[in-house]
Amino acid sequence: MKFPEWTKPALLGAAAGAIALAIVGFSWGGWKTGGAAEQMASNMARNEVIAALAPICVEQSKEDPQVTQTMMLIKEANSYKRREMVMEAGWATMPGASEADRFVATACLERLQENF
């Protein structure tokens, strides 16, 4: 079987164009692989859950009779210990959970620092 002379350059041009399109699409075009899209969706879901649970943490802190003392200790503590103090106070432990969530504690701490 004999192909016309223009077939080889046309196929090479199409292959080069496809490669260039893929490079441009993934670099600047905003295309995502399945794994990257899944990771983005997972991060967005986690952030939404944290945003929904942070107000519960704030409310639990308001019910604590030692909230003023604890907040004073938190303000005096180093920044890396503050989240742990919120967790130890039990404010970041959601109803039905056995352990505090560190991401919820971080979001809760941000909200608490705004109010105190």
PDB file of N, CA and C in Angstrom:
ATOM      1  N   MET A   1       0.846  -1.165   0.000  1.00  0.00           N
ATOM      2  CA  MET A   1       0.000   0.000   0.000  1.00  0.00           C
ATOM      3  C   MET A   1       0.898   1.236   0.000  1.00  0.00           C
ATOM      4  N   LYS A   2       0.583   2.136  -0.888  1.00  0.00           N
ATOM      5  CA  LYS A   2       1.397   3.326  -1.034  1.00  0.00           C
ATOM      6  C   LYS A   2       0.587   4.543  -0.597  1.00  0.00           C
ATOM      7  N   PHE A   3       1.191   5.367   0.298  1.00  0.00           N
ATOM      8  CA  PHE A   3       0.543   6.578   0.781  1.00  0.00           C
ATOM      9  C   PHE A   3       1.065   7.777   0.004  1.00  0.00           C
ATOM     10  N   PRO A   4       0.234   8.826  -0.092  1.00  0.00           N
ATOM     11  CA  PRO A   4       0.724  10.034  -0.763  1.00  0.00           C
ATOM     12  C   PRO A   4       1.871  10.662   0.027  1.00  0.00           C
ATOM     13  N   GLU A   5       2.687  11.488  -0.648  1.00  0.00           N
ATOM     14  CA  GLU A   5       3.849  12.103  -0.021  1.00  0.00           C
ATOM     15  C   GLU A   5       3.482  13.027   1.140  1.00  0.00           C
ATOM     16  N   TRP A   6       2.356  13.638   1.095  1.00  0.00           N
ATOM     17  CA  TRP A   6       1.971  14.617   2.137  1.00  0.00           C
ATOM     18  C   TRP A   6       1.500  13.946   3.429  1.00  0.00           C
ATOM     19  N   THR A   7       1.323  12.627   3.431  1.00  0.00           N
ATOM     20  CA  THR A   7       0.798  11.927   4.596  1.00  0.00           C
ATOM     21  C   THR A   7       1.751  12.002   5.790  1.00  0.00           C
ATOM     22  N   LYS A   8       3.034  11.743   5.563  1.00  0.00           N
ATOM     23  CA  LYS A   8       3.990  11.741   6.669  1.00  0.00           C
ATOM     24  C   LYS A   8       4.100  13.124   7.325  1.00  0.00           C
ATOM     25  N   PRO A   9       4.293  14.218   6.572  1.00  0.00           N
ATOM     26  CA  PRO A   9       4.358  15.530   7.217  1.00  0.00           C
ATOM     27  C   PRO A   9       3.039  15.911   7.902  1.00  0.00           C
ATOM     28  N   ALA A  10       1.920  15.495   7.352  1.00  0.00           N
ATOM     29  CA  ALA A  10       0.621  15.811   7.957  1.00  0.00           C
ATOM     30  C   ALA A  10       0.464  15.100   9.295  1.00  0.00           C
ATOM     31  N   LEU A  11       0.851  13.817   9.343  1.00  0.00           N
ATOM     32  CA  LEU A  11       0.762  13.079  10.599  1.00  0.00           C
ATOM     33  C   LEU A  11       1.730  13.617  11.644  1.00  0.00           C
ATOM     34  N   LEU A  12       2.946  13.973  11.234  1.00  0.00           N
ATOM     35  CA  LEU A  12       3.901  14.563  12.166  1.00  0.00           C
ATOM     36  C   LEU A  12       3.399  15.917  12.681  1.00  0.00           C
ATOM     37  N   GLY A  13       2.806  16.709  11.822  1.00  0.00           N
ATOM     38  CA  GLY A  13       2.244  18.008  12.226  1.00  0.00           C
ATOM     39  C   GLY A  13       1.081  17.835  13.185  1.00  0.00           C
ATOM     40  N   ALA A  14       0.234  16.835  12.933  1.00  0.00           N
ATOM     41  CA  ALA A  14      -0.896  16.572  13.831  1.00  0.00           C
ATOM     42  C   ALA A  14      -0.403  16.110  15.200  1.00  0.00           C
ATOM     43  N   ALA A  15       0.622  15.254  15.212  1.00  0.00           N
ATOM     44  CA  ALA A  15       1.172  14.787  16.484  1.00  0.00           C
ATOM     45  C   ALA A  15       1.814  15.942  17.256  1.00  0.00           C
ATOM     46  N   ALA A  16       2.574  16.771  16.578  1.00  0.00           N
ATOM     47  CA  ALA A  16       3.199  17.924  17.232  1.00  0.00           C
ATOM     48  C   ALA A  16       2.131  18.886  17.753  1.00  0.00           C
ATOM     49  N   GLY A  17       1.085  19.095  16.975  1.00  0.00           N
ATOM     50  CA  GLY A  17      -0.010  19.971  17.413  1.00  0.00           C
ATOM     51  C   GLY A  17      -0.723  19.413  18.638  1.00  0.00           C
ATOM     52  N   ALA A  18      -0.926  18.113  18.677  1.00  0.00           N
ATOM     53  CA  ALA A  18      -1.585  17.492  19.833  1.00  0.00           C
ATOM     54  C   ALA A  18      -0.728  17.632  21.089  1.00  0.00           C
ATOM     55  N   ILE A  19       0.573  17.442  20.939  1.00  0.00           N
ATOM     56  CA  ILE A  19       1.478  17.586  22.082  1.00  0.00           C
ATOM     57  C   ILE A  19       1.493  19.029  22.560  1.00  0.00           C
ATOM     58  N   ALA A  20       1.582  19.963  21.626  1.00  0.00           N
ATOM     59  CA  ALA A  20       1.583  21.386  21.996  1.00  0.00           C
ATOM     60  C   ALA A  20       0.271  21.775  22.665  1.00  0.00           C
ATOM     61  N   LEU A  21      -0.834  21.274  22.153  1.00  0.00           N
ATOM     62  CA  LEU A  21      -2.136  21.570  22.746  1.00  0.00           C
ATOM     63  C   LEU A  21      -2.228  21.041  24.171  1.00  0.00           C
ATOM     64  N   ALA A  22      -1.725  19.846  24.402  1.00  0.00           N
ATOM     65  CA  ALA A  22      -1.744  19.270  25.750  1.00  0.00           C
ATOM     66  C   ALA A  22      -0.875  20.084  26.709  1.00  0.00           C
ATOM     67  N   ILE A  23       0.302  20.479  26.241  1.00  0.00           N
ATOM     68  CA  ILE A  23       1.196  21.266  27.097  1.00  0.00           C
ATOM     69  C   ILE A  23       0.559  22.604  27.446  1.00  0.00           C
ATOM     70  N   VAL A  24       0.031  23.292  26.468  1.00  0.00           N
ATOM     71  CA  VAL A  24      -0.613  24.594  26.710  1.00  0.00           C
ATOM     72  C   VAL A  24      -1.860  24.421  27.568  1.00  0.00           C
ATOM     73  N   GLY A  25      -2.638  23.414  27.319  1.00  0.00           N
ATOM     74  CA  GLY A  25      -3.886  23.202  28.069  1.00  0.00           C
ATOM     75  C   GLY A  25      -3.636  22.924  29.542  1.00  0.00           C
ATOM     76  N   PHE A  26      -2.666  22.073  29.848  1.00  0.00           N
ATOM     77  CA  PHE A  26      -2.404  21.743  31.247  1.00  0.00           C
ATOM     78  C   PHE A  26      -1.582  22.823  31.954  1.00  0.00           C
ATOM     79  N   SER A  27      -0.758  23.559  31.187  1.00  0.00           N
ATOM     80  CA  SER A  27       0.067  24.597  31.810  1.00  0.00           C
ATOM     81  C   SER A  27      -0.719  25.886  32.042  1.00  0.00           C
ATOM     82  N   TRP A  28      -1.315  26.401  30.983  1.00  0.00           N
ATOM     83  CA  TRP A  28      -1.973  27.704  31.078  1.00  0.00           C
ATOM     84  C   TRP A  28      -3.483  27.638  30.910  1.00  0.00           C
ATOM     85  N   GLY A  29      -3.982  26.555  30.378  1.00  0.00           N
ATOM     86  CA  GLY A  29      -5.409  26.475  30.068  1.00  0.00           C
ATOM     87  C   GLY A  29      -6.307  26.107  31.236  1.00  0.00           C
ATOM     88  N   GLY A  30      -5.709  25.686  32.342  1.00  0.00           N
ATOM     89  CA  GLY A  30      -6.515  25.340  33.502  1.00  0.00           C
ATOM     90  C   GLY A  30      -7.053  23.921  33.475  1.00  0.00           C
ATOM     91  N   TRP A  31      -6.585  23.097  32.557  1.00  0.00           N
ATOM     92  CA  TRP A  31      -7.027  21.717  32.532  1.00  0.00           C
ATOM     93  C   TRP A  31      -6.493  20.997  33.766  1.00  0.00           C
ATOM     94  N   LYS A  32      -7.231  20.047  34.261  1.00  0.00           N
ATOM     95  CA  LYS A  32      -6.826  19.262  35.425  1.00  0.00           C
ATOM     96  C   LYS A  32      -6.921  17.782  35.098  1.00  0.00           C
ATOM     97  N   THR A  33      -6.026  17.020  35.709  1.00  0.00           N
ATOM     98  CA  THR A  33      -6.132  15.569  35.576  1.00  0.00           C
ATOM     99  C   THR A  33      -7.227  15.090  36.521  1.00  0.00           C
ATOM    100  N   GLY A  34      -7.626  13.874  36.384  1.00  0.00           N
ATOM    101  CA  GLY A  34      -8.653  13.318  37.267  1.00  0.00           C
ATOM    102  C   GLY A  34      -8.225  13.342  38.723  1.00  0.00           C
ATOM    103  N   GLY A  35      -6.961  13.026  38.988  1.00  0.00           N
ATOM    104  CA  GLY A  35      -6.448  13.024  40.358  1.00  0.00           C
ATOM    105  C   GLY A  35      -6.422  14.421  40.958  1.00  0.00           C
ATOM    106  N   ALA A  36      -6.014  15.399  40.153  1.00  0.00           N
ATOM    107  CA  ALA A  36      -5.962  16.780  40.651  1.00  0.00           C
ATOM    108  C   ALA A  36      -7.375  17.305  40.921  1.00  0.00           C
ATOM    109  N   ALA A  37      -8.307  16.969  40.060  1.00  0.00           N
ATOM    110  CA  ALA A  37      -9.688  17.400  40.268  1.00  0.00           C
ATOM    111  C   ALA A  37     -10.281  16.752  41.513  1.00  0.00           C
ATOM    112  N   GLU A  38      -9.939  15.495  41.717  1.00  0.00           N
ATOM    113  CA  GLU A  38     -10.412  14.790  42.914  1.00  0.00           C
ATOM    114  C   GLU A  38      -9.838  15.420  44.188  1.00  0.00           C
ATOM    115  N   GLN A  39      -8.565  15.789  44.149  1.00  0.00           N
ATOM    116  CA  GLN A  39      -7.920  16.435  45.289  1.00  0.00           C
ATOM    117  C   GLN A  39      -8.559  17.798  45.572  1.00  0.00           C
ATOM    118  N   MET A  40      -8.834  18.555  44.514  1.00  0.00           N
ATOM    119  CA  MET A  40      -9.494  19.857  44.690  1.00  0.00           C
ATOM    120  C   MET A  40     -10.867  19.679  45.320  1.00  0.00           C
ATOM    121  N   ALA A  41     -11.620  18.705  44.855  1.00  0.00           N
ATOM    122  CA  ALA A  41     -12.957  18.458  45.400  1.00  0.00           C
ATOM    123  C   ALA A  41     -12.881  18.034  46.857  1.00  0.00           C
ATOM    124  N   SER A  42     -11.902  17.209  47.183  1.00  0.00           N
ATOM    125  CA  SER A  42     -11.727  16.767  48.558  1.00  0.00           C
ATOM    126  C   SER A  42     -11.381  17.943  49.476  1.00  0.00           C
ATOM    127  N   ASN A  43     -10.476  18.807  49.023  1.00  0.00           N
ATOM    128  CA  ASN A  43     -10.111  19.985  49.811  1.00  0.00           C
ATOM    129  C   ASN A  43     -11.291  20.922  50.004  1.00  0.00           C
ATOM    130  N   MET A  44     -12.063  21.128  48.951  1.00  0.00           N
ATOM    131  CA  MET A  44     -13.236  22.001  49.063  1.00  0.00           C
ATOM    132  C   MET A  44     -14.257  21.422  50.032  1.00  0.00           C
ATOM    133  N   ALA A  45     -14.471  20.126  49.977  1.00  0.00           N
ATOM    134  CA  ALA A  45     -15.426  19.488  50.884  1.00  0.00           C
ATOM    135  C   ALA A  45     -14.953  19.600  52.327  1.00  0.00           C
ATOM    136  N   ARG A  46     -13.661  19.358  52.556  1.00  0.00           N
ATOM    137  CA  ARG A  46     -13.119  19.465  53.903  1.00  0.00           C
ATOM    138  C   ARG A  46     -13.261  20.889  54.439  1.00  0.00           C
ATOM    139  N   ASN A  47     -12.973  21.878  53.588  1.00  0.00           N
ATOM    140  CA  ASN A  47     -13.090  23.274  54.014  1.00  0.00           C
ATOM    141  C   ASN A  47     -14.529  23.645  54.343  1.00  0.00           C
ATOM    142  N   GLU A  48     -15.469  23.118  53.596  1.00  0.00           N
ATOM    143  CA  GLU A  48     -16.881  23.408  53.876  1.00  0.00           C
ATOM    144  C   GLU A  48     -17.330  22.760  55.178  1.00  0.00           C
ATOM    145  N   VAL A  49     -16.867  21.551  55.436  1.00  0.00           N
ATOM    146  CA  VAL A  49     -17.207  20.876  56.693  1.00  0.00           C
ATOM    147  C   VAL A  49     -16.621  21.644  57.871  1.00  0.00           C
ATOM    148  N   ILE A  50     -15.386  22.081  57.733  1.00  0.00           N
ATOM    149  CA  ILE A  50     -14.748  22.863  58.799  1.00  0.00           C
ATOM    150  C   ILE A  50     -15.513  24.153  59.032  1.00  0.00           C
ATOM    151  N   ALA A  51     -15.911  24.816  57.963  1.00  0.00           N
ATOM    152  CA  ALA A  51     -16.675  26.062  58.099  1.00  0.00           C
ATOM    153  C   ALA A  51     -18.014  25.816  58.778  1.00  0.00           C
ATOM    154  N   ALA A  52     -18.594  24.662  58.562  1.00  0.00           N
ATOM    155  CA  ALA A  52     -19.879  24.349  59.205  1.00  0.00           C
ATOM    156  C   ALA A  52     -19.706  23.974  60.672  1.00  0.00           C
ATOM    157  N   LEU A  53     -18.578  23.363  61.029  1.00  0.00           N
ATOM    158  CA  LEU A  53     -18.374  22.920  62.411  1.00  0.00           C
ATOM    159  C   LEU A  53     -17.767  23.992  63.315  1.00  0.00           C
ATOM    160  N   ALA A  54     -17.106  24.975  62.751  1.00  0.00           N
ATOM    161  CA  ALA A  54     -16.477  26.012  63.572  1.00  0.00           C
ATOM    162  C   ALA A  54     -17.482  26.756  64.450  1.00  0.00           C
ATOM    163  N   PRO A  55     -18.685  27.105  63.958  1.00  0.00           N
ATOM    164  CA  PRO A  55     -19.643  27.769  64.841  1.00  0.00           C
ATOM    165  C   PRO A  55     -20.078  26.898  66.024  1.00  0.00           C
ATOM    166  N   ILE A  56     -20.102  25.581  65.841  1.00  0.00           N
ATOM    167  CA  ILE A  56     -20.438  24.684  66.953  1.00  0.00           C
ATOM    168  C   ILE A  56     -19.356  24.781  68.017  1.00  0.00           C
ATOM    169  N   CYS A  57     -18.115  24.836  67.574  1.00  0.00           N
ATOM    170  CA  CYS A  57     -16.993  24.977  68.502  1.00  0.00           C
ATOM    171  C   CYS A  57     -17.113  26.291  69.279  1.00  0.00           C
ATOM    172  N   VAL A  58     -17.448  27.361  68.605  1.00  0.00           N
ATOM    173  CA  VAL A  58     -17.603  28.657  69.269  1.00  0.00           C
ATOM    174  C   VAL A  58     -18.728  28.595  70.300  1.00  0.00           C
ATOM    175  N   GLU A  59     -19.834  27.960  69.940  1.00  0.00           N
ATOM    176  CA  GLU A  59     -20.951  27.830  70.878  1.00  0.00           C
ATOM    177  C   GLU A  59     -20.575  26.978  72.086  1.00  0.00           C
ATOM    178  N   GLN A  60     -19.811  25.921  71.851  1.00  0.00           N
ATOM    179  CA  GLN A  60     -19.358  25.079  72.972  1.00  0.00           C
ATOM    180  C   GLN A  60     -18.444  25.870  73.897  1.00  0.00           C
ATOM    181  N   SER A  61     -17.667  26.786  73.340  1.00  0.00           N
ATOM    182  CA  SER A  61     -16.805  27.600  74.195  1.00  0.00           C
ATOM    183  C   SER A  61     -17.635  28.554  75.053  1.00  0.00           C
ATOM    184  N   LYS A  62     -18.718  29.056  74.486  1.00  0.00           N
ATOM    185  CA  LYS A  62     -19.579  29.976  75.240  1.00  0.00           C
ATOM    186  C   LYS A  62     -20.259  29.276  76.417  1.00  0.00           C
ATOM    187  N   GLU A  63     -20.487  27.984  76.294  1.00  0.00           N
ATOM    188  CA  GLU A  63     -21.128  27.220  77.363  1.00  0.00           C
ATOM    189  C   GLU A  63     -20.147  26.815  78.458  1.00  0.00           C
ATOM    190  N   ASP A  64     -18.857  26.958  78.192  1.00  0.00           N
ATOM    191  CA  ASP A  64     -17.835  26.605  79.176  1.00  0.00           C
ATOM    192  C   ASP A  64     -17.754  27.703  80.240  1.00  0.00           C
ATOM    193  N   PRO A  65     -17.909  27.369  81.515  1.00  0.00           N
ATOM    194  CA  PRO A  65     -17.853  28.394  82.555  1.00  0.00           C
ATOM    195  C   PRO A  65     -16.457  29.026  82.705  1.00  0.00           C
ATOM    196  N   GLN A  66     -15.442  28.364  82.194  1.00  0.00           N
ATOM    197  CA  GLN A  66     -14.079  28.890  82.307  1.00  0.00           C
ATOM    198  C   GLN A  66     -13.582  29.519  81.004  1.00  0.00           C
ATOM    199  N   VAL A  67     -14.506  29.940  80.152  1.00  0.00           N
ATOM    200  CA  VAL A  67     -14.120  30.458  78.843  1.00  0.00           C
ATOM    201  C   VAL A  67     -13.226  31.690  78.960  1.00  0.00           C
ATOM    202  N   THR A  68     -13.510  32.583  79.876  1.00  0.00           N
ATOM    203  CA  THR A  68     -12.705  33.799  80.003  1.00  0.00           C
ATOM    204  C   THR A  68     -11.280  33.474  80.428  1.00  0.00           C
ATOM    205  N   GLN A  69     -11.155  32.585  81.408  1.00  0.00           N
ATOM    206  CA  GLN A  69      -9.821  32.200  81.863  1.00  0.00           C
ATOM    207  C   GLN A  69      -9.051  31.471  80.764  1.00  0.00           C
ATOM    208  N   THR A  70      -9.736  30.581  80.081  1.00  0.00           N
ATOM    209  CA  THR A  70      -9.084  29.814  79.020  1.00  0.00           C
ATOM    210  C   THR A  70      -8.643  30.736  77.889  1.00  0.00           C
ATOM    211  N   MET A  71      -9.487  31.695  77.523  1.00  0.00           N
ATOM    212  CA  MET A  71      -9.126  32.614  76.441  1.00  0.00           C
ATOM    213  C   MET A  71      -7.940  33.497  76.845  1.00  0.00           C
ATOM    214  N   MET A  72      -7.867  33.875  78.105  1.00  0.00           N
ATOM    215  CA  MET A  72      -6.712  34.660  78.563  1.00  0.00           C
ATOM    216  C   MET A  72      -5.434  33.832  78.454  1.00  0.00           C
ATOM    217  N   LEU A  73      -5.520  32.556  78.830  1.00  0.00           N
ATOM    218  CA  LEU A  73      -4.360  31.673  78.708  1.00  0.00           C
ATOM    219  C   LEU A  73      -3.971  31.464  77.243  1.00  0.00           C
ATOM    220  N   ILE A  74      -4.979  31.361  76.394  1.00  0.00           N
ATOM    221  CA  ILE A  74      -4.712  31.176  74.964  1.00  0.00           C
ATOM    222  C   ILE A  74      -4.004  32.399  74.400  1.00  0.00           C
ATOM    223  N   LYS A  75      -4.461  33.585  74.775  1.00  0.00           N
ATOM    224  CA  LYS A  75      -3.825  34.809  74.270  1.00  0.00           C
ATOM    225  C   LYS A  75      -2.386  34.929  74.742  1.00  0.00           C
ATOM    226  N   GLU A  76      -2.090  34.442  75.936  1.00  0.00           N
ATOM    227  CA  GLU A  76      -0.740  34.525  76.482  1.00  0.00           C
ATOM    228  C   GLU A  76       0.176  33.432  75.920  1.00  0.00           C
ATOM    229  N   ALA A  77      -0.401  32.370  75.409  1.00  0.00           N
ATOM    230  CA  ALA A  77       0.379  31.223  74.929  1.00  0.00           C
ATOM    231  C   ALA A  77       1.041  31.526  73.589  1.00  0.00           C
ATOM    232  N   ASN A  78       2.064  30.733  73.283  1.00  0.00           N
ATOM    233  CA  ASN A  78       2.696  30.824  71.967  1.00  0.00           C
ATOM    234  C   ASN A  78       1.695  30.430  70.901  1.00  0.00           C
ATOM    235  N   SER A  79       1.861  30.958  69.701  1.00  0.00           N
ATOM    236  CA  SER A  79       0.889  30.723  68.634  1.00  0.00           C
ATOM    237  C   SER A  79       0.760  29.247  68.279  1.00  0.00           C
ATOM    238  N   TYR A  80       1.831  28.478  68.398  1.00  0.00           N
ATOM    239  CA  TYR A  80       1.754  27.064  68.029  1.00  0.00           C
ATOM    240  C   TYR A  80       1.056  26.220  69.083  1.00  0.00           C
ATOM    241  N   LYS A  81       0.853  26.753  70.287  1.00  0.00           N
ATOM    242  CA  LYS A  81       0.171  25.998  71.339  1.00  0.00           C
ATOM    243  C   LYS A  81      -1.311  26.340  71.440  1.00  0.00           C
ATOM    244  N   ARG A  82      -1.724  27.401  70.800  1.00  0.00           N
ATOM    245  CA  ARG A  82      -3.107  27.865  70.954  1.00  0.00           C
ATOM    246  C   ARG A  82      -4.125  26.850  70.459  1.00  0.00           C
ATOM    247  N   ARG A  83      -3.861  26.258  69.308  1.00  0.00           N
ATOM    248  CA  ARG A  83      -4.797  25.269  68.773  1.00  0.00           C
ATOM    249  C   ARG A  83      -4.931  24.090  69.720  1.00  0.00           C
ATOM    250  N   GLU A  84      -3.814  23.644  70.270  1.00  0.00           N
ATOM    251  CA  GLU A  84      -3.855  22.526  71.213  1.00  0.00           C
ATOM    252  C   GLU A  84      -4.672  22.880  72.454  1.00  0.00           C
ATOM    253  N   MET A  85      -4.599  24.126  72.883  1.00  0.00           N
ATOM    254  CA  MET A  85      -5.353  24.543  74.059  1.00  0.00           C
ATOM    255  C   MET A  85      -6.857  24.523  73.783  1.00  0.00           C
ATOM    256  N   VAL A  86      -7.250  24.901  72.577  1.00  0.00           N
ATOM    257  CA  VAL A  86      -8.672  24.825  72.198  1.00  0.00           C
ATOM    258  C   VAL A  86      -9.107  23.372  72.184  1.00  0.00           C
ATOM    259  N   MET A  87      -8.259  22.504  71.685  1.00  0.00           N
ATOM    260  CA  MET A  87      -8.586  21.083  71.642  1.00  0.00           C
ATOM    261  C   MET A  87      -8.664  20.491  73.046  1.00  0.00           C
ATOM    262  N   GLU A  88      -7.734  20.884  73.916  1.00  0.00           N
ATOM    263  CA  GLU A  88      -7.741  20.369  75.287  1.00  0.00           C
ATOM    264  C   GLU A  88      -8.949  20.864  76.076  1.00  0.00           C
ATOM    265  N   ALA A  89      -9.432  22.060  75.749  1.00  0.00           N
ATOM    266  CA  ALA A  89     -10.613  22.588  76.428  1.00  0.00           C
ATOM    267  C   ALA A  89     -11.869  21.812  76.036  1.00  0.00           C
ATOM    268  N   GLY A  90     -11.781  21.050  74.952  1.00  0.00           N
ATOM    269  CA  GLY A  90     -12.914  20.243  74.511  1.00  0.00           C
ATOM    270  C   GLY A  90     -13.860  20.957  73.575  1.00  0.00           C
ATOM    271  N   TRP A  91     -13.536  22.162  73.208  1.00  0.00           N
ATOM    272  CA  TRP A  91     -14.428  22.935  72.352  1.00  0.00           C
ATOM    273  C   TRP A  91     -14.453  22.412  70.917  1.00  0.00           C
ATOM    274  N   ALA A  92     -13.354  21.841  70.452  1.00  0.00           N
ATOM    275  CA  ALA A  92     -13.271  21.348  69.077  1.00  0.00           C
ATOM    276  C   ALA A  92     -13.678  19.890  68.956  1.00  0.00           C
ATOM    277  N   THR A  93     -14.159  19.304  70.041  1.00  0.00           N
ATOM    278  CA  THR A  93     -14.676  17.937  69.990  1.00  0.00           C
ATOM    279  C   THR A  93     -16.164  18.026  69.694  1.00  0.00           C
ATOM    280  N   MET A  94     -16.544  17.555  68.543  1.00  0.00           N
ATOM    281  CA  MET A  94     -17.927  17.659  68.119  1.00  0.00           C
ATOM    282  C   MET A  94     -18.793  16.629  68.832  1.00  0.00           C
ATOM    283  N   PRO A  95     -20.062  16.939  69.004  1.00  0.00           N
ATOM    284  CA  PRO A  95     -20.969  15.973  69.646  1.00  0.00           C
ATOM    285  C   PRO A  95     -20.941  14.636  68.898  1.00  0.00           C
ATOM    286  N   GLY A  96     -20.756  13.580  69.645  1.00  0.00           N
ATOM    287  CA  GLY A  96     -20.691  12.248  69.061  1.00  0.00           C
ATOM    288  C   GLY A  96     -19.289  11.812  68.685  1.00  0.00           C
ATOM    289  N   ALA A  97     -18.334  12.736  68.715  1.00  0.00           N
ATOM    290  CA  ALA A  97     -16.952  12.399  68.373  1.00  0.00           C
ATOM    291  C   ALA A  97     -16.164  12.126  69.646  1.00  0.00           C
ATOM    292  N   SER A  98     -15.137  11.314  69.515  1.00  0.00           N
ATOM    293  CA  SER A  98     -14.324  11.002  70.689  1.00  0.00           C
ATOM    294  C   SER A  98     -13.075  11.871  70.768  1.00  0.00           C
ATOM    295  N   GLU A  99     -12.668  12.448  69.650  1.00  0.00           N
ATOM    296  CA  GLU A  99     -11.464  13.266  69.619  1.00  0.00           C
ATOM    297  C   GLU A  99     -11.750  14.618  68.988  1.00  0.00           C
ATOM    298  N   ALA A 100     -10.945  15.595  69.360  1.00  0.00           N
ATOM    299  CA  ALA A 100     -11.057  16.927  68.784  1.00  0.00           C
ATOM    300  C   ALA A 100     -10.449  16.931  67.382  1.00  0.00           C
ATOM    301  N   ASP A 101     -10.955  17.803  66.549  1.00  0.00           N
ATOM    302  CA  ASP A 101     -10.455  17.948  65.188  1.00  0.00           C
ATOM    303  C   ASP A 101      -9.547  19.171  65.134  1.00  0.00           C
ATOM    304  N   ARG A 102      -8.319  18.991  64.674  1.00  0.00           N
ATOM    305  CA  ARG A 102      -7.374  20.104  64.695  1.00  0.00           C
ATOM    306  C   ARG A 102      -7.725  21.197  63.695  1.00  0.00           C
ATOM    307  N   PHE A 103      -8.342  20.826  62.565  1.00  0.00           N
ATOM    308  CA  PHE A 103      -8.729  21.834  61.584  1.00  0.00           C
ATOM    309  C   PHE A 103      -9.892  22.673  62.111  1.00  0.00           C
ATOM    310  N   VAL A 104     -10.825  22.025  62.773  1.00  0.00           N
ATOM    311  CA  VAL A 104     -11.941  22.742  63.390  1.00  0.00           C
ATOM    312  C   VAL A 104     -11.403  23.645  64.498  1.00  0.00           C
ATOM    313  N   ALA A 105     -10.434  23.155  65.259  1.00  0.00           N
ATOM    314  CA  ALA A 105      -9.845  23.962  66.329  1.00  0.00           C
ATOM    315  C   ALA A 105      -9.182  25.217  65.773  1.00  0.00           C
ATOM    316  N   THR A 106      -8.515  25.099  64.644  1.00  0.00           N
ATOM    317  CA  THR A 106      -7.869  26.257  64.028  1.00  0.00           C
ATOM    318  C   THR A 106      -8.905  27.282  63.587  1.00  0.00           C
ATOM    319  N   ALA A 107      -9.958  26.815  62.917  1.00  0.00           N
ATOM    320  CA  ALA A 107     -11.008  27.732  62.466  1.00  0.00           C
ATOM    321  C   ALA A 107     -11.741  28.351  63.655  1.00  0.00           C
ATOM    322  N   CYS A 108     -11.967  27.561  64.676  1.00  0.00           N
ATOM    323  CA  CYS A 108     -12.632  28.043  65.887  1.00  0.00           C
ATOM    324  C   CYS A 108     -11.783  29.106  66.568  1.00  0.00           C
ATOM    325  N   LEU A 109     -10.504  28.860  66.646  1.00  0.00           N
ATOM    326  CA  LEU A 109      -9.593  29.800  67.289  1.00  0.00           C
ATOM    327  C   LEU A 109      -9.612  31.147  66.577  1.00  0.00           C
ATOM    328  N   GLU A 110      -9.646  31.120  65.262  1.00  0.00           N
ATOM    329  CA  GLU A 110      -9.718  32.371  64.501  1.00  0.00           C
ATOM    330  C   GLU A 110     -10.975  33.150  64.853  1.00  0.00           C
ATOM    331  N   ARG A 111     -12.092  32.453  64.938  1.00  0.00           N
ATOM    332  CA  ARG A 111     -13.361  33.114  65.284  1.00  0.00           C
ATOM    333  C   ARG A 111     -13.360  33.604  66.732  1.00  0.00           C
ATOM    334  N   LEU A 112     -12.809  32.820  67.619  1.00  0.00           N
ATOM    335  CA  LEU A 112     -12.764  33.223  69.016  1.00  0.00           C
ATOM    336  C   LEU A 112     -11.885  34.450  69.227  1.00  0.00           C
ATOM    337  N   GLN A 113     -10.782  34.534  68.521  1.00  0.00           N
ATOM    338  CA  GLN A 113      -9.884  35.669  68.654  1.00  0.00           C
ATOM    339  C   GLN A 113     -10.528  36.954  68.141  1.00  0.00           C
ATOM    340  N   GLU A 114     -11.440  36.836  67.202  1.00  0.00           N
ATOM    341  CA  GLU A 114     -12.165  38.002  66.711  1.00  0.00           C
ATOM    342  C   GLU A 114     -13.123  38.529  67.766  1.00  0.00           C
ATOM    343  N   ASN A 115     -13.717  37.616  68.537  1.00  0.00           N
ATOM    344  CA  ASN A 115     -14.736  37.993  69.516  1.00  0.00           C
ATOM    345  C   ASN A 115     -14.172  38.417  70.864  1.00  0.00           C
ATOM    346  N   PHE A 116     -12.968  37.965  71.197  1.00  0.00           N
ATOM    347  CA  PHE A 116     -12.409  38.296  72.510  1.00  0.00           C
ATOM    348  C   PHE A 116     -11.333  39.332  72.387  1.00  0.00           C
TER     349      PHE A 116
END
